[in-house]
């Protein structure tokens, strides 16, 4: 019975990793909407993880890069990132940059925007079958946001490992979204940059 319960739990986790049974708006009642919301969460989480890493890096290196490229720094006078709350001048960012971001976003959405919403099936061992190392195909359902992009081969081959990886991505994405909101509000209310507020993370030990 314990093994059956564990298998059932794994199956449930496989359907929706990092599900902690918090559903204030009853999204789970509509499976299609649930998958769509999970896809949106994956997308926003990935963007947030990139932004949370880029935020302090820009505050650290933007002045030096601007001096190297002979352009005006994007940071405010007190070293904060420009955003709609702290009065940074977003208009000084090149229109070419905004156009490239918009073009890349449209392209990715058209190609992969709904990946995992329609119950797509993937043959996990297709490479092994092609090499003659496997006889029967192993089918798995494509999860929302799974683009099949893994150039460093970090995604586990076993199902429990895949579930852990998916849950890890979701949890780190959620943390990054909270961190970004914290960055914006902290800089707005204190008037200091994140690098200045947390020097222990951005200065050599002992200084």
N, C-alpha and C. Protein backbone atom coordinates (compact mmCIF):
# COMPACT_ATOMS: atom_id res chain seq x y z
N UNK A 1 0.82 -1.20 0.00
CA UNK A 1 0.00 0.00 0.00
C UNK A 1 0.86 1.26 0.00
N UNK A 2 1.94 1.22 0.78
CA UNK A 2 2.82 2.38 0.80
C UNK A 2 3.44 2.62 -0.57
N UNK A 3 3.84 1.52 -1.24
CA UNK A 3 4.40 1.67 -2.58
C UNK A 3 3.37 2.24 -3.54
N UNK A 4 2.12 1.77 -3.44
CA UNK A 4 1.08 2.30 -4.30
C UNK A 4 0.84 3.78 -4.03
N UNK A 5 0.86 4.17 -2.76
CA UNK A 5 0.67 5.57 -2.42
C UNK A 5 1.82 6.41 -2.97
N UNK A 6 3.03 5.90 -2.84
CA UNK A 6 4.18 6.63 -3.37
C UNK A 6 4.08 6.77 -4.89
N UNK A 7 3.64 5.70 -5.56
CA UNK A 7 3.49 5.78 -7.01
C UNK A 7 2.41 6.79 -7.38
N UNK A 8 1.32 6.79 -6.63
CA UNK A 8 0.27 7.76 -6.91
C UNK A 8 0.76 9.18 -6.69
N UNK A 9 1.54 9.38 -5.62
CA UNK A 9 2.09 10.70 -5.37
C UNK A 9 3.03 11.12 -6.48
N UNK A 10 3.85 10.19 -6.96
CA UNK A 10 4.75 10.51 -8.05
C UNK A 10 3.98 10.86 -9.31
N UNK A 11 2.89 10.12 -9.57
CA UNK A 11 2.10 10.42 -10.74
C UNK A 11 1.47 11.80 -10.62
N UNK A 12 0.97 12.13 -9.44
CA UNK A 12 0.39 13.45 -9.25
C UNK A 12 1.44 14.53 -9.40
N UNK A 13 2.63 14.29 -8.83
CA UNK A 13 3.70 15.25 -8.97
C UNK A 13 4.14 15.37 -10.42
N UNK A 14 4.09 14.26 -11.15
CA UNK A 14 4.46 14.30 -12.54
C UNK A 14 3.50 15.14 -13.35
N UNK A 15 2.24 15.13 -12.98
CA UNK A 15 1.28 15.95 -13.68
C UNK A 15 1.50 17.43 -13.41
N UNK A 16 1.88 17.77 -12.20
CA UNK A 16 2.08 19.17 -11.84
C UNK A 16 3.14 19.28 -10.75
N UNK A 17 4.42 19.32 -11.12
CA UNK A 17 5.48 19.45 -10.12
C UNK A 17 5.36 20.75 -9.34
N UNK A 18 5.84 20.73 -8.11
CA UNK A 18 5.82 21.90 -7.22
C UNK A 18 4.41 22.39 -6.96
N UNK A 19 3.47 21.44 -6.88
CA UNK A 19 2.08 21.77 -6.56
C UNK A 19 1.89 21.58 -5.05
N UNK A 20 1.60 22.68 -4.35
CA UNK A 20 1.47 22.63 -2.91
C UNK A 20 0.01 22.80 -2.47
N UNK A 21 -0.89 22.49 -3.39
CA UNK A 21 -2.33 22.50 -3.10
C UNK A 21 -2.83 23.87 -2.63
N UNK A 22 -2.23 24.92 -3.16
CA UNK A 22 -2.72 26.28 -2.92
C UNK A 22 -3.43 26.75 -4.19
N UNK A 23 -4.73 26.83 -4.14
CA UNK A 23 -5.51 27.16 -5.33
C UNK A 23 -6.66 28.07 -4.93
N UNK A 24 -6.34 29.33 -4.68
CA UNK A 24 -7.33 30.27 -4.16
C UNK A 24 -8.44 30.59 -5.17
N UNK A 25 -8.14 30.44 -6.46
CA UNK A 25 -9.11 30.82 -7.49
C UNK A 25 -9.72 29.62 -8.21
N UNK A 26 -9.49 28.42 -7.69
CA UNK A 26 -10.12 27.24 -8.26
C UNK A 26 -9.68 26.90 -9.66
N UNK A 27 -8.41 27.18 -9.98
CA UNK A 27 -7.91 26.92 -11.34
C UNK A 27 -7.88 25.43 -11.65
N UNK A 28 -7.68 24.60 -10.61
CA UNK A 28 -7.57 23.16 -10.84
C UNK A 28 -8.86 22.54 -11.39
N UNK A 29 -9.96 23.22 -11.24
CA UNK A 29 -11.22 22.68 -11.74
C UNK A 29 -11.26 22.63 -13.27
N UNK A 30 -10.42 23.41 -13.89
CA UNK A 30 -10.35 23.44 -15.36
C UNK A 30 -8.95 22.99 -15.78
N UNK A 31 -8.78 21.72 -16.19
CA UNK A 31 -7.44 21.21 -16.54
C UNK A 31 -6.75 22.03 -17.62
N UNK A 32 -7.51 22.49 -18.61
CA UNK A 32 -6.89 23.29 -19.68
C UNK A 32 -6.36 24.61 -19.13
N UNK A 33 -7.15 25.26 -18.29
CA UNK A 33 -6.70 26.52 -17.69
C UNK A 33 -5.52 26.29 -16.75
N UNK A 34 -5.52 25.15 -16.05
CA UNK A 34 -4.42 24.82 -15.15
C UNK A 34 -3.11 24.72 -15.92
N UNK A 35 -3.13 24.02 -17.04
CA UNK A 35 -1.91 23.90 -17.86
C UNK A 35 -1.50 25.25 -18.43
N UNK A 36 -2.47 26.06 -18.81
CA UNK A 36 -2.14 27.38 -19.35
C UNK A 36 -1.51 28.26 -18.28
N UNK A 37 -2.04 28.19 -17.05
CA UNK A 37 -1.46 28.97 -15.96
C UNK A 37 -0.07 28.46 -15.60
N UNK A 38 0.14 27.16 -15.66
CA UNK A 38 1.47 26.62 -15.40
C UNK A 38 2.45 27.08 -16.47
N UNK A 39 2.01 27.11 -17.72
CA UNK A 39 2.88 27.59 -18.79
C UNK A 39 3.25 29.05 -18.55
N UNK A 40 2.27 29.86 -18.15
CA UNK A 40 2.55 31.27 -17.86
C UNK A 40 3.52 31.39 -16.70
N UNK A 41 3.37 30.54 -15.68
CA UNK A 41 4.26 30.58 -14.53
C UNK A 41 5.69 30.21 -14.93
N UNK A 42 5.82 29.21 -15.79
CA UNK A 42 7.16 28.80 -16.26
C UNK A 42 7.82 29.95 -17.02
N UNK A 43 7.08 30.58 -17.91
CA UNK A 43 7.64 31.68 -18.71
C UNK A 43 8.07 32.84 -17.81
N UNK A 44 7.17 33.25 -16.92
CA UNK A 44 7.50 34.37 -16.04
C UNK A 44 8.64 34.01 -15.10
N UNK A 45 8.68 32.77 -14.64
CA UNK A 45 9.77 32.35 -13.77
C UNK A 45 11.11 32.40 -14.47
N UNK A 46 11.16 31.96 -15.71
CA UNK A 46 12.42 31.98 -16.46
C UNK A 46 12.89 33.42 -16.69
N UNK A 47 11.96 34.29 -17.08
CA UNK A 47 12.32 35.69 -17.25
C UNK A 47 12.79 36.31 -15.94
N UNK A 48 12.11 35.96 -14.86
CA UNK A 48 12.47 36.52 -13.56
C UNK A 48 13.85 36.05 -13.11
N UNK A 49 14.20 34.80 -13.38
CA UNK A 49 15.52 34.31 -13.00
C UNK A 49 16.62 35.05 -13.76
N UNK A 50 16.39 35.29 -15.05
CA UNK A 50 17.36 36.07 -15.82
C UNK A 50 17.46 37.49 -15.31
N UNK A 51 16.30 38.10 -15.03
CA UNK A 51 16.29 39.49 -14.58
C UNK A 51 16.90 39.63 -13.19
N UNK A 52 16.63 38.67 -12.30
CA UNK A 52 17.17 38.74 -10.94
C UNK A 52 18.70 38.65 -10.95
N UNK A 53 19.24 37.90 -11.91
CA UNK A 53 20.70 37.82 -12.03
C UNK A 53 21.26 39.07 -12.70
N UNK A 54 20.53 39.59 -13.69
CA UNK A 54 21.03 40.75 -14.44
C UNK A 54 20.93 42.04 -13.65
N UNK A 55 19.97 42.13 -12.73
CA UNK A 55 19.75 43.38 -12.00
C UNK A 55 21.01 43.87 -11.27
N UNK A 56 21.59 43.09 -10.36
CA UNK A 56 22.80 43.57 -9.69
C UNK A 56 24.01 43.65 -10.61
N UNK A 57 24.06 42.77 -11.63
CA UNK A 57 25.19 42.83 -12.55
C UNK A 57 25.21 44.14 -13.32
N UNK A 58 24.03 44.63 -13.69
CA UNK A 58 23.98 45.91 -14.39
C UNK A 58 24.43 47.04 -13.48
N UNK A 59 24.02 46.99 -12.22
CA UNK A 59 24.45 48.04 -11.28
C UNK A 59 25.95 47.99 -11.04
N UNK A 60 26.55 46.82 -11.17
CA UNK A 60 27.99 46.69 -10.97
C UNK A 60 28.79 47.13 -12.18
N UNK A 61 28.34 46.74 -13.37
CA UNK A 61 29.19 46.88 -14.55
C UNK A 61 28.71 47.92 -15.57
N UNK A 62 27.51 48.48 -15.39
CA UNK A 62 27.02 49.44 -16.38
C UNK A 62 27.92 50.67 -16.52
N UNK A 63 28.39 51.28 -15.43
CA UNK A 63 29.26 52.45 -15.62
C UNK A 63 30.51 52.14 -16.42
N UNK A 64 31.16 51.02 -16.13
CA UNK A 64 32.38 50.66 -16.84
C UNK A 64 32.09 50.36 -18.31
N UNK A 65 31.00 49.65 -18.58
CA UNK A 65 30.66 49.34 -19.97
C UNK A 65 30.28 50.60 -20.72
N UNK A 66 29.55 51.49 -20.08
CA UNK A 66 29.17 52.75 -20.73
C UNK A 66 30.40 53.57 -21.07
N UNK A 67 31.37 53.61 -20.16
CA UNK A 67 32.60 54.34 -20.41
C UNK A 67 33.40 53.71 -21.55
N UNK A 68 33.38 52.37 -21.58
CA UNK A 68 34.11 51.66 -22.64
C UNK A 68 33.49 51.91 -24.01
N UNK A 69 32.16 51.94 -24.05
CA UNK A 69 31.44 52.13 -25.32
C UNK A 69 31.18 53.60 -25.64
N UNK A 70 31.59 54.48 -24.77
CA UNK A 70 31.42 55.92 -24.97
C UNK A 70 29.95 56.31 -25.10
N UNK A 71 29.13 55.76 -24.21
CA UNK A 71 27.70 56.09 -24.19
C UNK A 71 27.32 56.48 -22.77
N UNK A 72 26.13 57.08 -22.63
CA UNK A 72 25.67 57.49 -21.31
C UNK A 72 25.25 56.27 -20.50
N UNK A 73 25.61 56.21 -19.22
CA UNK A 73 25.18 55.08 -18.37
C UNK A 73 23.66 55.03 -18.25
N UNK A 74 23.13 53.84 -18.07
CA UNK A 74 21.69 53.66 -17.92
C UNK A 74 21.24 53.83 -16.48
N UNK A 75 22.16 53.72 -15.53
CA UNK A 75 21.79 53.82 -14.13
C UNK A 75 21.43 55.26 -13.76
N UNK A 76 20.66 55.39 -12.68
CA UNK A 76 20.36 56.72 -12.15
C UNK A 76 21.62 57.30 -11.51
N UNK A 77 21.56 58.54 -11.10
CA UNK A 77 22.73 59.19 -10.52
C UNK A 77 23.19 58.52 -9.23
N UNK A 78 22.26 57.91 -8.51
CA UNK A 78 22.65 57.23 -7.28
C UNK A 78 22.92 55.74 -7.48
N UNK A 79 23.07 55.31 -8.75
CA UNK A 79 23.50 53.95 -9.03
C UNK A 79 22.42 52.90 -9.08
N UNK A 80 21.15 53.31 -9.16
CA UNK A 80 20.05 52.35 -9.21
C UNK A 80 19.67 52.05 -10.65
N UNK A 81 19.10 50.87 -10.86
CA UNK A 81 18.60 50.51 -12.18
C UNK A 81 17.41 51.39 -12.54
N UNK A 82 17.27 51.76 -13.81
CA UNK A 82 16.11 52.56 -14.21
C UNK A 82 14.84 51.72 -14.22
N UNK A 83 13.80 52.22 -13.59
CA UNK A 83 12.49 51.58 -13.67
C UNK A 83 11.42 52.64 -13.48
N UNK A 84 10.17 52.25 -13.58
CA UNK A 84 9.07 53.23 -13.56
C UNK A 84 8.88 53.86 -12.19
N UNK A 85 9.46 53.27 -11.13
CA UNK A 85 9.26 53.81 -9.78
C UNK A 85 10.36 54.77 -9.35
N UNK A 86 11.60 54.50 -9.73
CA UNK A 86 12.70 55.31 -9.21
C UNK A 86 13.06 56.50 -10.10
N UNK A 87 12.30 56.71 -11.17
CA UNK A 87 12.53 57.88 -12.00
C UNK A 87 13.62 57.72 -13.02
N UNK A 88 14.08 56.51 -13.25
CA UNK A 88 15.10 56.29 -14.27
C UNK A 88 14.57 56.60 -15.66
N UNK A 89 15.44 57.07 -16.51
CA UNK A 89 15.05 57.48 -17.86
C UNK A 89 15.11 56.27 -18.79
N UNK A 90 14.00 55.57 -18.95
CA UNK A 90 13.96 54.41 -19.85
C UNK A 90 14.03 54.82 -21.31
N UNK A 91 13.77 56.10 -21.60
CA UNK A 91 13.78 56.55 -22.99
C UNK A 91 15.18 56.59 -23.57
N UNK A 92 16.19 56.60 -22.72
CA UNK A 92 17.55 56.64 -23.24
C UNK A 92 18.03 55.28 -23.74
N UNK A 93 17.25 54.23 -23.44
CA UNK A 93 17.60 52.91 -23.96
C UNK A 93 17.32 52.88 -25.46
N UNK A 94 18.22 52.32 -26.21
CA UNK A 94 18.15 52.33 -27.66
C UNK A 94 16.87 51.68 -28.18
N UNK A 95 16.18 52.33 -29.13
CA UNK A 95 15.00 51.70 -29.75
C UNK A 95 15.35 50.38 -30.43
N UNK A 96 16.61 50.26 -30.88
CA UNK A 96 17.04 49.00 -31.50
C UNK A 96 16.98 47.86 -30.49
N UNK A 97 17.32 48.15 -29.24
CA UNK A 97 17.25 47.13 -28.19
C UNK A 97 15.81 46.69 -27.98
N UNK A 98 14.90 47.67 -27.82
CA UNK A 98 13.49 47.32 -27.62
C UNK A 98 12.95 46.54 -28.82
N UNK A 99 13.34 46.95 -30.02
CA UNK A 99 12.86 46.26 -31.23
C UNK A 99 13.36 44.82 -31.29
N UNK A 100 14.62 44.61 -30.92
CA UNK A 100 15.18 43.26 -30.95
C UNK A 100 14.51 42.38 -29.91
N UNK A 101 14.24 42.93 -28.72
CA UNK A 101 13.57 42.17 -27.68
C UNK A 101 12.15 41.81 -28.12
N UNK A 102 11.46 42.78 -28.69
CA UNK A 102 10.09 42.53 -29.16
C UNK A 102 10.08 41.49 -30.28
N UNK A 103 11.02 41.60 -31.21
CA UNK A 103 11.09 40.64 -32.30
C UNK A 103 11.40 39.23 -31.82
N UNK A 104 12.33 39.12 -30.88
CA UNK A 104 12.67 37.81 -30.34
C UNK A 104 11.50 37.21 -29.59
N UNK A 105 10.79 38.04 -28.84
CA UNK A 105 9.64 37.56 -28.07
C UNK A 105 8.54 37.05 -29.00
N UNK A 106 8.24 37.80 -30.04
CA UNK A 106 7.20 37.39 -31.00
C UNK A 106 7.59 36.08 -31.68
N UNK A 107 8.86 35.97 -32.07
CA UNK A 107 9.33 34.76 -32.74
C UNK A 107 9.20 33.53 -31.84
N UNK A 108 9.66 33.66 -30.59
CA UNK A 108 9.59 32.54 -29.66
C UNK A 108 8.14 32.16 -29.35
N UNK A 109 7.28 33.15 -29.22
CA UNK A 109 5.88 32.87 -28.93
C UNK A 109 5.21 32.16 -30.10
N UNK A 110 5.52 32.57 -31.31
CA UNK A 110 4.93 31.93 -32.48
C UNK A 110 5.42 30.49 -32.63
N UNK A 111 6.68 30.25 -32.30
CA UNK A 111 7.26 28.92 -32.49
C UNK A 111 6.95 27.99 -31.32
N UNK A 112 7.05 28.52 -30.09
CA UNK A 112 6.98 27.65 -28.92
C UNK A 112 5.99 28.14 -27.86
N UNK A 113 5.20 29.16 -28.18
CA UNK A 113 4.37 29.81 -27.18
C UNK A 113 3.39 28.91 -26.48
N UNK A 114 2.90 27.87 -27.15
CA UNK A 114 1.90 26.99 -26.54
C UNK A 114 2.41 25.56 -26.40
N UNK A 115 3.72 25.40 -26.31
CA UNK A 115 4.30 24.06 -26.16
C UNK A 115 3.87 23.44 -24.83
N UNK A 116 3.27 22.29 -24.91
CA UNK A 116 2.85 21.57 -23.72
C UNK A 116 1.40 21.79 -23.33
N UNK A 117 0.67 22.58 -24.11
CA UNK A 117 -0.74 22.84 -23.78
C UNK A 117 -1.70 21.82 -24.40
N UNK A 118 -1.27 21.16 -25.44
CA UNK A 118 -2.18 20.33 -26.21
C UNK A 118 -1.93 18.83 -26.02
N UNK A 119 -1.22 18.48 -24.95
CA UNK A 119 -0.98 17.07 -24.68
C UNK A 119 -0.04 16.41 -25.67
N UNK A 120 0.98 17.15 -26.13
CA UNK A 120 1.95 16.59 -27.07
C UNK A 120 2.71 15.43 -26.44
N UNK A 121 3.12 14.50 -27.26
CA UNK A 121 3.85 13.32 -26.81
C UNK A 121 5.25 13.35 -27.40
N UNK A 122 6.23 13.01 -26.58
CA UNK A 122 7.62 12.94 -27.03
C UNK A 122 8.15 11.54 -26.82
N UNK A 123 8.98 11.06 -27.76
CA UNK A 123 9.67 9.78 -27.61
C UNK A 123 10.99 10.06 -26.90
N UNK A 124 11.06 9.67 -25.63
CA UNK A 124 12.22 10.00 -24.81
C UNK A 124 13.50 9.32 -25.29
N UNK A 125 13.39 8.10 -25.77
CA UNK A 125 14.58 7.35 -26.17
C UNK A 125 14.75 7.28 -27.68
N UNK A 126 14.35 8.34 -28.37
CA UNK A 126 14.45 8.35 -29.83
C UNK A 126 15.89 8.16 -30.30
N UNK A 127 16.86 8.78 -29.62
CA UNK A 127 18.27 8.65 -30.00
C UNK A 127 18.75 7.21 -29.83
N UNK A 128 18.33 6.57 -28.74
CA UNK A 128 18.74 5.19 -28.49
C UNK A 128 18.14 4.25 -29.53
N UNK A 129 16.90 4.51 -29.94
CA UNK A 129 16.28 3.69 -30.98
C UNK A 129 17.03 3.85 -32.29
N UNK A 130 17.41 5.09 -32.61
CA UNK A 130 18.14 5.35 -33.86
C UNK A 130 19.49 4.64 -33.86
N UNK A 131 20.12 4.50 -32.68
CA UNK A 131 21.41 3.81 -32.60
C UNK A 131 21.27 2.31 -32.44
N UNK A 132 20.03 1.83 -32.36
CA UNK A 132 19.80 0.41 -32.20
C UNK A 132 19.99 -0.08 -30.79
N UNK A 133 20.00 0.83 -29.81
CA UNK A 133 20.22 0.45 -28.42
C UNK A 133 18.92 0.21 -27.66
N UNK A 134 17.80 0.49 -28.27
CA UNK A 134 16.51 0.28 -27.62
C UNK A 134 15.52 -0.22 -28.65
N UNK A 135 14.65 -1.11 -28.21
CA UNK A 135 13.67 -1.67 -29.13
C UNK A 135 12.33 -0.99 -29.08
N UNK A 136 11.88 -0.67 -27.89
CA UNK A 136 10.56 -0.06 -27.74
C UNK A 136 10.69 1.43 -27.37
N UNK A 137 9.86 2.24 -27.97
CA UNK A 137 9.90 3.66 -27.62
C UNK A 137 9.27 3.93 -26.26
N UNK A 138 9.79 4.91 -25.58
CA UNK A 138 9.25 5.35 -24.30
C UNK A 138 8.58 6.71 -24.52
N UNK A 139 7.26 6.74 -24.36
CA UNK A 139 6.50 7.96 -24.61
C UNK A 139 6.28 8.73 -23.31
N UNK A 140 6.47 10.03 -23.36
CA UNK A 140 6.15 10.90 -22.23
C UNK A 140 5.42 12.12 -22.74
N UNK A 141 4.56 12.65 -21.90
CA UNK A 141 3.81 13.84 -22.27
C UNK A 141 4.67 15.08 -22.07
N UNK A 142 4.63 15.98 -23.04
CA UNK A 142 5.40 17.21 -22.95
C UNK A 142 4.75 18.13 -21.92
N UNK A 143 5.50 18.53 -20.93
CA UNK A 143 4.96 19.41 -19.88
C UNK A 143 4.95 20.85 -20.38
N UNK A 144 4.08 21.69 -19.82
CA UNK A 144 4.01 23.10 -20.25
C UNK A 144 5.37 23.79 -20.13
N UNK A 145 5.80 24.42 -21.20
CA UNK A 145 7.07 25.13 -21.20
C UNK A 145 8.28 24.29 -21.55
N UNK A 146 8.10 23.00 -21.79
CA UNK A 146 9.22 22.12 -22.14
C UNK A 146 9.55 22.30 -23.61
N UNK A 147 10.64 22.99 -23.89
CA UNK A 147 11.04 23.28 -25.27
C UNK A 147 11.96 22.21 -25.85
N UNK A 148 12.37 21.24 -25.03
CA UNK A 148 13.30 20.23 -25.51
C UNK A 148 14.69 20.80 -25.75
N UNK A 149 15.01 21.93 -25.12
CA UNK A 149 16.30 22.60 -25.32
C UNK A 149 17.20 22.28 -24.14
N UNK A 150 18.22 21.48 -24.37
CA UNK A 150 19.12 21.06 -23.30
C UNK A 150 20.52 20.83 -23.87
N UNK A 151 21.19 21.90 -24.32
CA UNK A 151 22.49 21.72 -24.97
C UNK A 151 23.57 21.18 -24.04
N UNK A 152 23.45 21.42 -22.74
CA UNK A 152 24.46 20.93 -21.79
C UNK A 152 24.12 19.56 -21.22
N UNK A 153 23.01 18.97 -21.67
CA UNK A 153 22.59 17.64 -21.24
C UNK A 153 22.45 17.56 -19.72
N UNK A 154 21.81 18.56 -19.14
CA UNK A 154 21.63 18.60 -17.69
C UNK A 154 20.32 17.94 -17.25
N UNK A 155 19.39 17.79 -18.17
CA UNK A 155 18.08 17.25 -17.81
C UNK A 155 18.20 15.75 -17.56
N UNK A 156 17.77 15.25 -16.40
CA UNK A 156 17.94 13.82 -16.08
C UNK A 156 17.19 12.92 -17.05
N UNK A 157 17.67 11.70 -17.16
CA UNK A 157 17.01 10.71 -18.01
C UNK A 157 15.91 9.97 -17.28
N UNK A 158 16.05 9.83 -15.96
CA UNK A 158 15.04 9.08 -15.20
C UNK A 158 13.89 9.99 -14.81
N UNK A 159 12.69 9.39 -14.70
CA UNK A 159 11.50 10.17 -14.42
C UNK A 159 11.54 10.89 -13.07
N UNK A 160 11.97 10.24 -11.98
CA UNK A 160 12.05 10.97 -10.70
C UNK A 160 12.99 12.17 -10.78
N UNK A 161 14.11 12.01 -11.50
CA UNK A 161 15.03 13.14 -11.66
C UNK A 161 14.41 14.27 -12.46
N UNK A 162 13.64 13.91 -13.48
CA UNK A 162 12.96 14.93 -14.27
C UNK A 162 11.96 15.71 -13.43
N UNK A 163 11.23 15.00 -12.58
CA UNK A 163 10.26 15.67 -11.71
C UNK A 163 10.96 16.63 -10.75
N UNK A 164 12.11 16.21 -10.22
CA UNK A 164 12.86 17.09 -9.33
C UNK A 164 13.36 18.32 -10.07
N UNK A 165 13.81 18.12 -11.30
CA UNK A 165 14.31 19.25 -12.10
C UNK A 165 13.18 20.23 -12.41
N UNK A 166 12.01 19.71 -12.77
CA UNK A 166 10.88 20.58 -13.07
C UNK A 166 10.44 21.34 -11.83
N UNK A 167 10.37 20.65 -10.69
CA UNK A 167 9.99 21.31 -9.45
C UNK A 167 11.02 22.36 -9.06
N UNK A 168 12.29 22.06 -9.27
CA UNK A 168 13.35 23.01 -8.95
C UNK A 168 13.24 24.27 -9.79
N UNK A 169 12.94 24.11 -11.07
CA UNK A 169 12.79 25.28 -11.94
C UNK A 169 11.61 26.14 -11.50
N UNK A 170 10.49 25.50 -11.18
CA UNK A 170 9.32 26.25 -10.75
C UNK A 170 9.60 27.00 -9.45
N UNK A 171 10.20 26.32 -8.48
CA UNK A 171 10.45 26.94 -7.19
C UNK A 171 11.46 28.09 -7.29
N UNK A 172 12.50 27.89 -8.10
CA UNK A 172 13.47 28.97 -8.28
C UNK A 172 12.87 30.13 -9.06
N UNK A 173 11.98 29.84 -10.00
CA UNK A 173 11.29 30.91 -10.72
C UNK A 173 10.40 31.72 -9.80
N UNK A 174 9.69 31.04 -8.91
CA UNK A 174 8.84 31.75 -7.94
C UNK A 174 9.68 32.63 -7.04
N UNK A 175 10.81 32.10 -6.57
CA UNK A 175 11.70 32.88 -5.71
C UNK A 175 12.24 34.10 -6.45
N UNK A 176 12.58 33.92 -7.74
CA UNK A 176 13.11 35.04 -8.52
C UNK A 176 12.06 36.12 -8.73
N UNK A 177 10.81 35.74 -8.92
CA UNK A 177 9.75 36.74 -9.09
C UNK A 177 9.58 37.56 -7.81
N UNK A 178 9.64 36.89 -6.67
CA UNK A 178 9.56 37.60 -5.39
C UNK A 178 10.78 38.51 -5.22
N UNK A 179 11.95 38.01 -5.61
CA UNK A 179 13.18 38.79 -5.48
C UNK A 179 13.12 40.07 -6.31
N UNK A 180 12.58 39.98 -7.52
CA UNK A 180 12.51 41.16 -8.39
C UNK A 180 11.62 42.23 -7.78
N UNK A 181 10.47 41.81 -7.27
CA UNK A 181 9.58 42.77 -6.60
C UNK A 181 10.30 43.40 -5.42
N UNK A 182 11.06 42.59 -4.68
CA UNK A 182 11.82 43.10 -3.54
C UNK A 182 12.88 44.09 -3.98
N UNK A 183 13.56 43.81 -5.09
CA UNK A 183 14.57 44.73 -5.62
C UNK A 183 13.94 46.09 -5.90
N UNK A 184 12.83 46.08 -6.64
CA UNK A 184 12.20 47.33 -7.06
C UNK A 184 11.74 48.14 -5.85
N UNK A 185 11.03 47.49 -4.94
CA UNK A 185 10.51 48.20 -3.78
C UNK A 185 11.62 48.66 -2.84
N UNK A 186 12.66 47.86 -2.67
CA UNK A 186 13.78 48.24 -1.80
C UNK A 186 14.49 49.47 -2.33
N UNK A 187 14.74 49.49 -3.63
CA UNK A 187 15.41 50.64 -4.20
C UNK A 187 14.53 51.89 -4.17
N UNK A 188 13.23 51.69 -4.31
CA UNK A 188 12.31 52.83 -4.30
C UNK A 188 12.22 53.46 -2.91
N UNK A 189 12.07 52.64 -1.89
CA UNK A 189 11.86 53.17 -0.54
C UNK A 189 13.14 53.60 0.15
N UNK A 190 14.28 53.01 -0.22
CA UNK A 190 15.54 53.37 0.44
C UNK A 190 16.37 54.38 -0.35
N UNK A 191 16.12 54.45 -1.66
CA UNK A 191 16.93 55.33 -2.50
C UNK A 191 18.33 54.80 -2.74
N UNK A 192 18.56 53.53 -2.42
CA UNK A 192 19.87 52.91 -2.61
C UNK A 192 19.75 51.72 -3.55
N UNK A 193 20.85 51.40 -4.21
CA UNK A 193 20.87 50.27 -5.12
C UNK A 193 20.94 48.96 -4.33
N UNK A 194 20.56 47.87 -4.99
CA UNK A 194 20.64 46.56 -4.36
C UNK A 194 22.09 46.22 -4.02
N UNK A 195 23.02 46.60 -4.86
CA UNK A 195 24.43 46.35 -4.59
C UNK A 195 24.88 47.08 -3.33
N UNK A 196 24.37 48.30 -3.15
CA UNK A 196 24.72 49.08 -1.97
C UNK A 196 24.02 48.55 -0.72
N UNK A 197 22.81 48.03 -0.88
CA UNK A 197 22.06 47.51 0.26
C UNK A 197 22.60 46.17 0.75
N UNK A 198 23.18 45.41 -0.15
CA UNK A 198 23.70 44.08 0.21
C UNK A 198 25.17 43.96 -0.21
N UNK A 199 26.05 44.76 0.37
CA UNK A 199 27.45 44.74 -0.07
C UNK A 199 28.15 43.42 0.20
N UNK A 200 27.63 42.64 1.15
CA UNK A 200 28.29 41.37 1.48
C UNK A 200 28.30 40.40 0.30
N UNK A 201 27.40 40.61 -0.65
CA UNK A 201 27.33 39.71 -1.80
C UNK A 201 28.17 40.19 -2.98
N UNK A 202 28.61 41.46 -2.94
CA UNK A 202 29.22 42.05 -4.14
C UNK A 202 30.58 42.70 -3.88
N UNK A 203 31.14 42.51 -2.71
CA UNK A 203 32.46 43.03 -2.41
C UNK A 203 33.34 41.89 -1.92
N UNK A 204 34.65 41.97 -2.16
CA UNK A 204 35.54 40.90 -1.69
C UNK A 204 35.48 40.73 -0.18
N UNK A 205 35.66 39.51 0.27
CA UNK A 205 35.65 39.22 1.69
C UNK A 205 36.77 39.98 2.40
N UNK A 206 36.43 40.64 3.49
CA UNK A 206 37.43 41.39 4.24
C UNK A 206 37.42 42.86 3.99
N UNK A 207 36.66 43.29 2.96
CA UNK A 207 36.60 44.72 2.67
C UNK A 207 35.34 45.32 3.28
